[in-house]
Amino acid sequence: ADGASSRMLRSLARAEEARIRAQLRGHLARRQRAEVLRRWRACERLHARAAATLRELEAEQPLAFGRDKRLLDREEESASRDLPVLEADLDDVRAELDAERAQRAREEEEH
């Protein structure tokens, strides 16, 4: 009879230990969730402040943030002047790449 009661006591002790561990895990999960929510709310507040600041700045300087037609025209003009130079650079890079590929192909044929 002592063996059976001893087994039952060990079984009860294991069950109690499992219950305590589960309660601890639940407690830790609730604390972690609360911390995550606190941080989330802090991020939300920072985002709201940044958005408000952006709206204020946009209201103060509409040309700096808007699409000013004169600015766009100047950007397009500058880009069209730079285009031939960029195309020449692209052609040079393509030529170098083709030469490297040809060299690599020759080296692979030799081996």
PDB file of N, CA and C in Angstrom:
ATOM      1  N   ALA A   1       0.816  -1.180   0.000  1.00  0.00           N
ATOM      2  CA  ALA A   1       0.000   0.000   0.000  1.00  0.00           C
ATOM      3  C   ALA A   1       0.862   1.247   0.000  1.00  0.00           C
ATOM      4  N   ASP A   2       2.041   1.163   0.685  1.00  0.00           N
ATOM      5  CA  ASP A   2       2.928   2.328   0.692  1.00  0.00           C
ATOM      6  C   ASP A   2       3.434   2.660  -0.705  1.00  0.00           C
ATOM      7  N   GLY A   3       3.695   1.648  -1.508  1.00  0.00           N
ATOM      8  CA  GLY A   3       4.173   1.881  -2.868  1.00  0.00           C
ATOM      9  C   GLY A   3       3.155   2.608  -3.705  1.00  0.00           C
ATOM     10  N   ALA A   4       1.876   2.241  -3.562  1.00  0.00           N
ATOM     11  CA  ALA A   4       0.813   2.870  -4.339  1.00  0.00           C
ATOM     12  C   ALA A   4       0.625   4.316  -3.901  1.00  0.00           C
ATOM     13  N   SER A   5       0.647   4.544  -2.582  1.00  0.00           N
ATOM     14  CA  SER A   5       0.466   5.919  -2.121  1.00  0.00           C
ATOM     15  C   SER A   5       1.676   6.777  -2.486  1.00  0.00           C
ATOM     16  N   SER A   6       2.870   6.167  -2.482  1.00  0.00           N
ATOM     17  CA  SER A   6       4.075   6.894  -2.866  1.00  0.00           C
ATOM     18  C   SER A   6       3.997   7.309  -4.340  1.00  0.00           C
ATOM     19  N   ARG A   7       3.517   6.381  -5.187  1.00  0.00           N
ATOM     20  CA  ARG A   7       3.354   6.697  -6.618  1.00  0.00           C
ATOM     21  C   ARG A   7       2.321   7.810  -6.802  1.00  0.00           C
ATOM     22  N   MET A   8       1.253   7.737  -6.043  1.00  0.00           N
ATOM     23  CA  MET A   8       0.216   8.759  -6.144  1.00  0.00           C
ATOM     24  C   MET A   8       0.736  10.119  -5.697  1.00  0.00           C
ATOM     25  N   LEU A   9       1.534  10.130  -4.626  1.00  0.00           N
ATOM     26  CA  LEU A   9       2.111  11.389  -4.161  1.00  0.00           C
ATOM     27  C   LEU A   9       3.054  11.982  -5.211  1.00  0.00           C
ATOM     28  N   ARG A  10       3.886  11.134  -5.838  1.00  0.00           N
ATOM     29  CA  ARG A  10       4.798  11.611  -6.887  1.00  0.00           C
ATOM     30  C   ARG A  10       3.993  12.149  -8.068  1.00  0.00           C
ATOM     31  N   SER A  11       2.930  11.444  -8.441  1.00  0.00           N
ATOM     32  CA  SER A  11       2.083  11.870  -9.542  1.00  0.00           C
ATOM     33  C   SER A  11       1.426  13.218  -9.221  1.00  0.00           C
ATOM     34  N   LEU A  12       0.925  13.351  -7.986  1.00  0.00           N
ATOM     35  CA  LEU A  12       0.332  14.616  -7.566  1.00  0.00           C
ATOM     36  C   LEU A  12       1.362  15.739  -7.549  1.00  0.00           C
ATOM     37  N   ALA A  13       2.568  15.428  -7.101  1.00  0.00           N
ATOM     38  CA  ALA A  13       3.628  16.440  -7.054  1.00  0.00           C
ATOM     39  C   ALA A  13       3.977  16.893  -8.468  1.00  0.00           C
ATOM     40  N   ARG A  14       4.060  15.931  -9.422  1.00  0.00           N
ATOM     41  CA  ARG A  14       4.350  16.302 -10.813  1.00  0.00           C
ATOM     42  C   ARG A  14       3.224  17.152 -11.390  1.00  0.00           C
ATOM     43  N   ALA A  15       1.992  16.789 -11.095  1.00  0.00           N
ATOM     44  CA  ALA A  15       0.854  17.551 -11.595  1.00  0.00           C
ATOM     45  C   ALA A  15       0.862  18.961 -11.014  1.00  0.00           C
ATOM     46  N   GLU A  16       1.146  19.077  -9.720  1.00  0.00           N
ATOM     47  CA  GLU A  16       1.206  20.392  -9.075  1.00  0.00           C
ATOM     48  C   GLU A  16       2.335  21.225  -9.669  1.00  0.00           C
ATOM     49  N   GLU A  17       3.478  20.594  -9.890  1.00  0.00           N
ATOM     50  CA  GLU A  17       4.613  21.296 -10.503  1.00  0.00           C
ATOM     51  C   GLU A  17       4.242  21.788 -11.897  1.00  0.00           C
ATOM     52  N   ALA A  18       3.568  20.936 -12.689  1.00  0.00           N
ATOM     53  CA  ALA A  18       3.151  21.328 -14.039  1.00  0.00           C
ATOM     54  C   ALA A  18       2.169  22.489 -13.967  1.00  0.00           C
ATOM     55  N   ARG A  19       1.245  22.462 -12.992  1.00  0.00           N
ATOM     56  CA  ARG A  19       0.272  23.542 -12.831  1.00  0.00           C
ATOM     57  C   ARG A  19       0.973  24.859 -12.497  1.00  0.00           C
ATOM     58  N   ILE A  20       1.955  24.785 -11.594  1.00  0.00           N
ATOM     59  CA  ILE A  20       2.695  25.987 -11.192  1.00  0.00           C
ATOM     60  C   ILE A  20       3.484  26.548 -12.375  1.00  0.00           C
ATOM     61  N   ARG A  21       4.131  25.648 -13.130  1.00  0.00           N
ATOM     62  CA  ARG A  21       4.894  26.101 -14.307  1.00  0.00           C
ATOM     63  C   ARG A  21       3.967  26.760 -15.337  1.00  0.00           C
ATOM     64  N   ALA A  22       2.789  26.181 -15.547  1.00  0.00           N
ATOM     65  CA  ALA A  22       1.829  26.746 -16.496  1.00  0.00           C
ATOM     66  C   ALA A  22       1.371  28.129 -16.030  1.00  0.00           C
ATOM     67  N   GLN A  23       1.125  28.270 -14.735  1.00  0.00           N
ATOM     68  CA  GLN A  23       0.731  29.576 -14.213  1.00  0.00           C
ATOM     69  C   GLN A  23       1.846  30.588 -14.406  1.00  0.00           C
ATOM     70  N   LEU A  24       3.093  30.158 -14.163  1.00  0.00           N
ATOM     71  CA  LEU A  24       4.236  31.063 -14.349  1.00  0.00           C
ATOM     72  C   LEU A  24       4.357  31.483 -15.818  1.00  0.00           C
ATOM     73  N   ARG A  25       4.231  30.502 -16.746  1.00  0.00           N
ATOM     74  CA  ARG A  25       4.303  30.838 -18.171  1.00  0.00           C
ATOM     75  C   ARG A  25       3.194  31.815 -18.553  1.00  0.00           C
ATOM     76  N   GLY A  26       1.988  31.593 -18.033  1.00  0.00           N
ATOM     77  CA  GLY A  26       0.882  32.506 -18.313  1.00  0.00           C
ATOM     78  C   GLY A  26       1.165  33.905 -17.795  1.00  0.00           C
ATOM     79  N   HIS A  27       1.700  33.975 -16.579  1.00  0.00           N
ATOM     80  CA  HIS A  27       2.037  35.270 -15.983  1.00  0.00           C
ATOM     81  C   HIS A  27       3.089  35.989 -16.825  1.00  0.00           C
ATOM     82  N   LEU A  28       4.130  35.260 -17.214  1.00  0.00           N
ATOM     83  CA  LEU A  28       5.194  35.866 -18.023  1.00  0.00           C
ATOM     84  C   LEU A  28       4.665  36.306 -19.389  1.00  0.00           C
ATOM     85  N   ALA A  29       3.778  35.517 -19.985  1.00  0.00           N
ATOM     86  CA  ALA A  29       3.196  35.882 -21.282  1.00  0.00           C
ATOM     87  C   ALA A  29       2.361  37.154 -21.154  1.00  0.00           C
ATOM     88  N   ARG A  30       1.582  37.278 -20.063  1.00  0.00           N
ATOM     89  CA  ARG A  30       0.784  38.494 -19.865  1.00  0.00           C
ATOM     90  C   ARG A  30       1.676  39.713 -19.686  1.00  0.00           C
ATOM     91  N   ARG A  31       2.768  39.554 -18.933  1.00  0.00           N
ATOM     92  CA  ARG A  31       3.697  40.678 -18.754  1.00  0.00           C
ATOM     93  C   ARG A  31       4.346  41.070 -20.072  1.00  0.00           C
ATOM     94  N   GLN A  32       4.762  40.061 -20.843  1.00  0.00           N
ATOM     95  CA  GLN A  32       5.388  40.343 -22.135  1.00  0.00           C
ATOM     96  C   GLN A  32       4.393  41.039 -23.067  1.00  0.00           C
ATOM     97  N   ARG A  33       3.145  40.584 -23.085  1.00  0.00           N
ATOM     98  CA  ARG A  33       2.119  41.204 -23.918  1.00  0.00           C
ATOM     99  C   ARG A  33       1.914  42.663 -23.508  1.00  0.00           C
ATOM    100  N   ALA A  34       1.875  42.916 -22.208  1.00  0.00           N
ATOM    101  CA  ALA A  34       1.692  44.284 -21.728  1.00  0.00           C
ATOM    102  C   ALA A  34       2.855  45.166 -22.176  1.00  0.00           C
ATOM    103  N   GLU A  35       4.070  44.638 -22.110  1.00  0.00           N
ATOM    104  CA  GLU A  35       5.244  45.411 -22.539  1.00  0.00           C
ATOM    105  C   GLU A  35       5.189  45.695 -24.040  1.00  0.00           C
ATOM    106  N   VAL A  36       4.808  44.705 -24.826  1.00  0.00           N
ATOM    107  CA  VAL A  36       4.692  44.895 -26.274  1.00  0.00           C
ATOM    108  C   VAL A  36       3.639  45.954 -26.580  1.00  0.00           C
ATOM    109  N   LEU A  37       2.503  45.887 -25.880  1.00  0.00           N
ATOM    110  CA  LEU A  37       1.456  46.894 -26.101  1.00  0.00           C
ATOM    111  C   LEU A  37       1.931  48.278 -25.701  1.00  0.00           C
ATOM    112  N   ARG A  38       2.683  48.403 -24.614  1.00  0.00           N
ATOM    113  CA  ARG A  38       3.225  49.707 -24.209  1.00  0.00           C
ATOM    114  C   ARG A  38       4.135  50.260 -25.297  1.00  0.00           C
ATOM    115  N   ARG A  39       5.001  49.403 -25.806  1.00  0.00           N
ATOM    116  CA  ARG A  39       5.924  49.853 -26.861  1.00  0.00           C
ATOM    117  C   ARG A  39       5.163  50.215 -28.133  1.00  0.00           C
ATOM    118  N   TRP A  40       4.136  49.427 -28.461  1.00  0.00           N
ATOM    119  CA  TRP A  40       3.321  49.711 -29.643  1.00  0.00           C
ATOM    120  C   TRP A  40       2.662  51.090 -29.514  1.00  0.00           C
ATOM    121  N   ARG A  41       2.099  51.357 -28.354  1.00  0.00           N
ATOM    122  CA  ARG A  41       1.448  52.654 -28.155  1.00  0.00           C
ATOM    123  C   ARG A  41       2.456  53.794 -28.238  1.00  0.00           C
ATOM    124  N   ALA A  42       3.674  53.563 -27.727  1.00  0.00           N
ATOM    125  CA  ALA A  42       4.714  54.595 -27.826  1.00  0.00           C
ATOM    126  C   ALA A  42       5.048  54.863 -29.298  1.00  0.00           C
ATOM    127  N   CYS A  43       5.153  53.808 -30.088  1.00  0.00           N
ATOM    128  CA  CYS A  43       5.424  53.977 -31.520  1.00  0.00           C
ATOM    129  C   CYS A  43       4.283  54.724 -32.204  1.00  0.00           C
ATOM    130  N   GLU A  44       3.062  54.397 -31.827  1.00  0.00           N
ATOM    131  CA  GLU A  44       1.908  55.082 -32.401  1.00  0.00           C
ATOM    132  C   GLU A  44       1.945  56.573 -32.075  1.00  0.00           C
ATOM    133  N   ARG A  45       2.315  56.903 -30.840  1.00  0.00           N
ATOM    134  CA  ARG A  45       2.391  58.320 -30.456  1.00  0.00           C
ATOM    135  C   ARG A  45       3.493  59.024 -31.248  1.00  0.00           C
ATOM    136  N   LEU A  46       4.649  58.372 -31.393  1.00  0.00           N
ATOM    137  CA  LEU A  46       5.743  58.970 -32.166  1.00  0.00           C
ATOM    138  C   LEU A  46       5.317  59.174 -33.620  1.00  0.00           C
ATOM    139  N   HIS A  47       4.635  58.196 -34.175  1.00  0.00           N
ATOM    140  CA  HIS A  47       4.178  58.307 -35.556  1.00  0.00           C
ATOM    141  C   HIS A  47       3.204  59.467 -35.706  1.00  0.00           C
ATOM    142  N   ALA A  48       2.287  59.597 -34.757  1.00  0.00           N
ATOM    143  CA  ALA A  48       1.309  60.688 -34.816  1.00  0.00           C
ATOM    144  C   ALA A  48       2.003  62.039 -34.737  1.00  0.00           C
ATOM    145  N   ARG A  49       3.002  62.141 -33.861  1.00  0.00           N
ATOM    146  CA  ARG A  49       3.742  63.408 -33.748  1.00  0.00           C
ATOM    147  C   ARG A  49       4.487  63.727 -35.032  1.00  0.00           C
ATOM    148  N   ALA A  50       5.135  62.702 -35.606  1.00  0.00           N
ATOM    149  CA  ALA A  50       5.891  62.918 -36.849  1.00  0.00           C
ATOM    150  C   ALA A  50       4.946  63.316 -37.984  1.00  0.00           C
ATOM    151  N   ALA A  51       3.794  62.679 -38.060  1.00  0.00           N
ATOM    152  CA  ALA A  51       2.828  63.020 -39.105  1.00  0.00           C
ATOM    153  C   ALA A  51       2.311  64.447 -38.921  1.00  0.00           C
ATOM    154  N   ALA A  52       2.067  64.842 -37.679  1.00  0.00           N
ATOM    155  CA  ALA A  52       1.598  66.206 -37.415  1.00  0.00           C
ATOM    156  C   ALA A  52       2.664  67.224 -37.802  1.00  0.00           C
ATOM    157  N   THR A  53       3.912  66.923 -37.459  1.00  0.00           N
ATOM    158  CA  THR A  53       5.019  67.815 -37.817  1.00  0.00           C
ATOM    159  C   THR A  53       5.141  67.934 -39.328  1.00  0.00           C
ATOM    160  N   LEU A  54       5.011  66.822 -40.033  1.00  0.00           N
ATOM    161  CA  LEU A  54       5.085  66.843 -41.492  1.00  0.00           C
ATOM    162  C   LEU A  54       3.966  67.694 -42.075  1.00  0.00           C
ATOM    163  N   ARG A  55       2.750  67.525 -41.561  1.00  0.00           N
ATOM    164  CA  ARG A  55       1.635  68.343 -42.057  1.00  0.00           C
ATOM    165  C   ARG A  55       1.885  69.826 -41.817  1.00  0.00           C
ATOM    166  N   GLU A  56       2.443  70.169 -40.648  1.00  0.00           N
ATOM    167  CA  GLU A  56       2.750  71.575 -40.357  1.00  0.00           C
ATOM    168  C   GLU A  56       3.778  72.118 -41.330  1.00  0.00           C
ATOM    169  N   LEU A  57       4.837  71.339 -41.573  1.00  0.00           N
ATOM    170  CA  LEU A  57       5.877  71.792 -42.492  1.00  0.00           C
ATOM    171  C   LEU A  57       5.344  71.932 -43.909  1.00  0.00           C
ATOM    172  N   GLU A  58       4.511  70.994 -44.322  1.00  0.00           N
ATOM    173  CA  GLU A  58       3.930  71.092 -45.657  1.00  0.00           C
ATOM    174  C   GLU A  58       3.053  72.333 -45.778  1.00  0.00           C
ATOM    175  N   ALA A  59       2.331  72.668 -44.723  1.00  0.00           N
ATOM    176  CA  ALA A  59       1.470  73.846 -44.749  1.00  0.00           C
ATOM    177  C   ALA A  59       2.295  75.131 -44.804  1.00  0.00           C
ATOM    178  N   GLU A  60       3.449  75.134 -44.125  1.00  0.00           N
ATOM    179  CA  GLU A  60       4.301  76.321 -44.099  1.00  0.00           C
ATOM    180  C   GLU A  60       5.030  76.536 -45.409  1.00  0.00           C
ATOM    181  N   GLN A  61       5.442  75.450 -46.052  1.00  0.00           N
ATOM    182  CA  GLN A  61       6.242  75.578 -47.270  1.00  0.00           C
ATOM    183  C   GLN A  61       5.667  74.682 -48.363  1.00  0.00           C
ATOM    184  N   PRO A  62       4.583  75.078 -48.996  1.00  0.00           N
ATOM    185  CA  PRO A  62       3.951  74.200 -49.988  1.00  0.00           C
ATOM    186  C   PRO A  62       4.845  73.919 -51.194  1.00  0.00           C
ATOM    187  N   LEU A  63       5.677  74.873 -51.586  1.00  0.00           N
ATOM    188  CA  LEU A  63       6.527  74.638 -52.756  1.00  0.00           C
ATOM    189  C   LEU A  63       7.629  73.634 -52.473  1.00  0.00           C
ATOM    190  N   ALA A  64       8.073  73.576 -51.243  1.00  0.00           N
ATOM    191  CA  ALA A  64       9.152  72.639 -50.918  1.00  0.00           C
ATOM    192  C   ALA A  64       8.663  71.206 -50.988  1.00  0.00           C
ATOM    193  N   PHE A  65       7.382  70.974 -50.721  1.00  0.00           N
ATOM    194  CA  PHE A  65       6.874  69.608 -50.697  1.00  0.00           C
ATOM    195  C   PHE A  65       5.981  69.296 -51.891  1.00  0.00           C
ATOM    196  N   GLY A  66       5.429  70.330 -52.514  1.00  0.00           N
ATOM    197  CA  GLY A  66       4.546  70.114 -53.654  1.00  0.00           C
ATOM    198  C   GLY A  66       5.352  69.873 -54.920  1.00  0.00           C
ATOM    199  N   ARG A  67       4.636  69.591 -55.989  1.00  0.00           N
ATOM    200  CA  ARG A  67       5.307  69.374 -57.267  1.00  0.00           C
ATOM    201  C   ARG A  67       5.226  70.679 -58.054  1.00  0.00           C
ATOM    202  N   ASP A  68       6.202  71.548 -57.840  1.00  0.00           N
ATOM    203  CA  ASP A  68       6.263  72.845 -58.518  1.00  0.00           C
ATOM    204  C   ASP A  68       6.607  72.603 -59.987  1.00  0.00           C
ATOM    205  N   LYS A  69       5.800  73.140 -60.880  1.00  0.00           N
ATOM    206  CA  LYS A  69       5.977  72.926 -62.322  1.00  0.00           C
ATOM    207  C   LYS A  69       7.337  73.419 -62.802  1.00  0.00           C
ATOM    208  N   ARG A  70       7.772  74.578 -62.320  1.00  0.00           N
ATOM    209  CA  ARG A  70       9.076  75.099 -62.763  1.00  0.00           C
ATOM    210  C   ARG A  70      10.202  74.175 -62.323  1.00  0.00           C
ATOM    211  N   LEU A  71      10.105  73.657 -61.117  1.00  0.00           N
ATOM    212  CA  LEU A  71      11.135  72.746 -60.612  1.00  0.00           C
ATOM    213  C   LEU A  71      11.175  71.471 -61.448  1.00  0.00           C
ATOM    214  N   LEU A  72       9.993  70.947 -61.778  1.00  0.00           N
ATOM    215  CA  LEU A  72       9.945  69.748 -62.613  1.00  0.00           C
ATOM    216  C   LEU A  72      10.541  70.003 -63.987  1.00  0.00           C
ATOM    217  N   ASP A  73      10.238  71.167 -64.574  1.00  0.00           N
ATOM    218  CA  ASP A  73      10.792  71.496 -65.887  1.00  0.00           C
ATOM    219  C   ASP A  73      12.314  71.556 -65.833  1.00  0.00           C
ATOM    220  N   ARG A  74      12.851  72.173 -64.764  1.00  0.00           N
ATOM    221  CA  ARG A  74      14.309  72.243 -64.633  1.00  0.00           C
ATOM    222  C   ARG A  74      14.928  70.866 -64.449  1.00  0.00           C
ATOM    223  N   GLU A  75      14.268  70.005 -63.667  1.00  0.00           N
ATOM    224  CA  GLU A  75      14.788  68.654 -63.468  1.00  0.00           C
ATOM    225  C   GLU A  75      14.807  67.881 -64.782  1.00  0.00           C
ATOM    226  N   GLU A  76      13.734  68.014 -65.574  1.00  0.00           N
ATOM    227  CA  GLU A  76      13.667  67.322 -66.855  1.00  0.00           C
ATOM    228  C   GLU A  76      14.725  67.846 -67.816  1.00  0.00           C
ATOM    229  N   GLU A  77      14.931  69.156 -67.815  1.00  0.00           N
ATOM    230  CA  GLU A  77      15.944  69.761 -68.699  1.00  0.00           C
ATOM    231  C   GLU A  77      17.332  69.265 -68.323  1.00  0.00           C
ATOM    232  N   SER A  78      17.605  69.219 -67.024  1.00  0.00           N
ATOM    233  CA  SER A  78      18.906  68.741 -66.561  1.00  0.00           C
ATOM    234  C   SER A  78      19.105  67.278 -66.930  1.00  0.00           C
ATOM    235  N   ALA A  79      18.063  66.493 -66.770  1.00  0.00           N
ATOM    236  CA  ALA A  79      18.156  65.070 -67.093  1.00  0.00           C
ATOM    237  C   ALA A  79      18.387  64.868 -68.585  1.00  0.00           C
ATOM    238  N   SER A  80      17.752  65.670 -69.418  1.00  0.00           N
ATOM    239  CA  SER A  80      17.924  65.509 -70.866  1.00  0.00           C
ATOM    240  C   SER A  80      19.335  65.901 -71.285  1.00  0.00           C
ATOM    241  N   ARG A  81      19.961  66.887 -70.582  1.00  0.00           N
ATOM    242  CA  ARG A  81      21.351  67.246 -70.892  1.00  0.00           C
ATOM    243  C   ARG A  81      22.300  66.135 -70.465  1.00  0.00           C
ATOM    244  N   ASP A  82      22.012  65.487 -69.350  1.00  0.00           N
ATOM    245  CA  ASP A  82      22.895  64.445 -68.829  1.00  0.00           C
ATOM    246  C   ASP A  82      22.702  63.105 -69.536  1.00  0.00           C
ATOM    247  N   LEU A  83      21.604  62.925 -70.242  1.00  0.00           N
ATOM    248  CA  LEU A  83      21.291  61.651 -70.857  1.00  0.00           C
ATOM    249  C   LEU A  83      22.372  61.163 -71.824  1.00  0.00           C
ATOM    250  N   PRO A  84      22.892  61.977 -72.742  1.00  0.00           N
ATOM    251  CA  PRO A  84      23.945  61.481 -73.644  1.00  0.00           C
ATOM    252  C   PRO A  84      25.189  61.011 -72.886  1.00  0.00           C
ATOM    253  N   VAL A  85      25.557  61.723 -71.840  1.00  0.00           N
ATOM    254  CA  VAL A  85      26.724  61.327 -71.045  1.00  0.00           C
ATOM    255  C   VAL A  85      26.467  59.979 -70.378  1.00  0.00           C
ATOM    256  N   LEU A  86      25.283  59.824 -69.808  1.00  0.00           N
ATOM    257  CA  LEU A  86      24.942  58.570 -69.152  1.00  0.00           C
ATOM    258  C   LEU A  86      24.889  57.418 -70.149  1.00  0.00           C
ATOM    259  N   GLU A  87      24.344  57.676 -71.345  1.00  0.00           N
ATOM    260  CA  GLU A  87      24.289  56.627 -72.358  1.00  0.00           C
ATOM    261  C   GLU A  87      25.692  56.220 -72.794  1.00  0.00           C
ATOM    262  N   ALA A  88      26.602  57.173 -72.909  1.00  0.00           N
ATOM    263  CA  ALA A  88      27.990  56.857 -73.275  1.00  0.00           C
ATOM    264  C   ALA A  88      28.639  56.016 -72.179  1.00  0.00           C
ATOM    265  N   ASP A  89      28.400  56.380 -70.934  1.00  0.00           N
ATOM    266  CA  ASP A  89      28.939  55.591 -69.825  1.00  0.00           C
ATOM    267  C   ASP A  89      28.375  54.173 -69.848  1.00  0.00           C
ATOM    268  N   LEU A  90      27.098  54.050 -70.134  1.00  0.00           N
ATOM    269  CA  LEU A  90      26.468  52.736 -70.196  1.00  0.00           C
ATOM    270  C   LEU A  90      27.080  51.905 -71.318  1.00  0.00           C
ATOM    271  N   ASP A  91      27.330  52.534 -72.458  1.00  0.00           N
ATOM    272  CA  ASP A  91      27.964  51.813 -73.572  1.00  0.00           C
ATOM    273  C   ASP A  91      29.359  51.335 -73.180  1.00  0.00           C
ATOM    274  N   ASP A  92      30.117  52.179 -72.470  1.00  0.00           N
ATOM    275  CA  ASP A  92      31.458  51.783 -72.026  1.00  0.00           C
ATOM    276  C   ASP A  92      31.393  50.594 -71.071  1.00  0.00           C
ATOM    277  N   VAL A  93      30.455  50.636 -70.138  1.00  0.00           N
ATOM    278  CA  VAL A  93      30.320  49.542 -69.180  1.00  0.00           C
ATOM    279  C   VAL A  93      29.920  48.255 -69.892  1.00  0.00           C
ATOM    280  N   ARG A  94      29.004  48.373 -70.846  1.00  0.00           N
ATOM    281  CA  ARG A  94      28.596  47.185 -71.607  1.00  0.00           C
ATOM    282  C   ARG A  94      29.769  46.597 -72.383  1.00  0.00           C
ATOM    283  N   ALA A  95      30.598  47.467 -72.974  1.00  0.00           N
ATOM    284  CA  ALA A  95      31.760  46.995 -73.724  1.00  0.00           C
ATOM    285  C   ALA A  95      32.739  46.272 -72.795  1.00  0.00           C
ATOM    286  N   GLU A  96      32.981  46.837 -71.609  1.00  0.00           N
ATOM    287  CA  GLU A  96      33.862  46.184 -70.643  1.00  0.00           C
ATOM    288  C   GLU A  96      33.305  44.830 -70.220  1.00  0.00           C
ATOM    289  N   LEU A  97      32.012  44.769 -70.003  1.00  0.00           N
ATOM    290  CA  LEU A  97      31.374  43.525 -69.594  1.00  0.00           C
ATOM    291  C   LEU A  97      31.495  42.477 -70.701  1.00  0.00           C
ATOM    292  N   ASP A  98      31.263  42.879 -71.945  1.00  0.00           N
ATOM    293  CA  ASP A  98      31.409  41.942 -73.065  1.00  0.00           C
ATOM    294  C   ASP A  98      32.842  41.429 -73.169  1.00  0.00           C
ATOM    295  N   ALA A  99      33.820  42.331 -72.965  1.00  0.00           N
ATOM    296  CA  ALA A  99      35.227  41.919 -73.025  1.00  0.00           C
ATOM    297  C   ALA A  99      35.550  40.932 -71.907  1.00  0.00           C
ATOM    298  N   GLU A 100      35.038  41.184 -70.717  1.00  0.00           N
ATOM    299  CA  GLU A 100      35.278  40.263 -69.600  1.00  0.00           C
ATOM    300  C   GLU A 100      34.639  38.900 -69.862  1.00  0.00           C
ATOM    301  N   ARG A 101      33.440  38.905 -70.422  1.00  0.00           N
ATOM    302  CA  ARG A 101      32.775  37.633 -70.738  1.00  0.00           C
ATOM    303  C   ARG A 101      33.554  36.855 -71.791  1.00  0.00           C
ATOM    304  N   ALA A 102      34.035  37.564 -72.796  1.00  0.00           N
ATOM    305  CA  ALA A 102      34.814  36.904 -73.852  1.00  0.00           C
ATOM    306  C   ALA A 102      36.102  36.322 -73.266  1.00  0.00           C
ATOM    307  N   GLN A 103      36.769  37.078 -72.399  1.00  0.00           N
ATOM    308  CA  GLN A 103      37.992  36.597 -71.760  1.00  0.00           C
ATOM    309  C   GLN A 103      37.706  35.354 -70.926  1.00  0.00           C
ATOM    310  N   ARG A 104      36.614  35.387 -70.158  1.00  0.00           N
ATOM    311  CA  ARG A 104      36.244  34.244 -69.323  1.00  0.00           C
ATOM    312  C   ARG A 104      35.950  33.023 -70.185  1.00  0.00           C
ATOM    313  N   ALA A 105      35.284  33.234 -71.311  1.00  0.00           N
ATOM    314  CA  ALA A 105      34.962  32.125 -72.218  1.00  0.00           C
ATOM    315  C   ALA A 105      36.250  31.510 -72.780  1.00  0.00           C
ATOM    316  N   ARG A 106      37.218  32.360 -73.152  1.00  0.00           N
ATOM    317  CA  ARG A 106      38.502  31.863 -73.666  1.00  0.00           C
ATOM    318  C   ARG A 106      39.240  31.056 -72.588  1.00  0.00           C
ATOM    319  N   GLU A 107      39.199  31.567 -71.371  1.00  0.00           N
ATOM    320  CA  GLU A 107      39.875  30.860 -70.268  1.00  0.00           C
ATOM    321  C   GLU A 107      39.217  29.510 -69.986  1.00  0.00           C
ATOM    322  N   GLU A 108      37.900  29.454 -70.093  1.00  0.00           N
ATOM    323  CA  GLU A 108      37.194  28.188 -69.860  1.00  0.00           C
ATOM    324  C   GLU A 108      37.494  27.199 -70.970  1.00  0.00           C
ATOM    325  N   GLU A 109      37.649  27.686 -72.204  1.00  0.00           N
ATOM    326  CA  GLU A 109      37.979  26.790 -73.325  1.00  0.00           C
ATOM    327  C   GLU A 109      39.374  26.213 -73.170  1.00  0.00           C
ATOM    328  N   GLU A 110      40.290  26.982 -72.619  1.00  0.00           N
ATOM    329  CA  GLU A 110      41.681  26.534 -72.444  1.00  0.00           C
ATOM    330  C   GLU A 110      41.786  25.448 -71.388  1.00  0.00           C
ATOM    331  N   HIS A 111      40.868  25.461 -70.438  1.00  0.00           N
ATOM    332  CA  HIS A 111      40.926  24.476 -69.350  1.00  0.00           C
ATOM    333  C   HIS A 111      40.083  23.319 -69.649  1.00  0.00           C
TER     334      HIS A 111
END
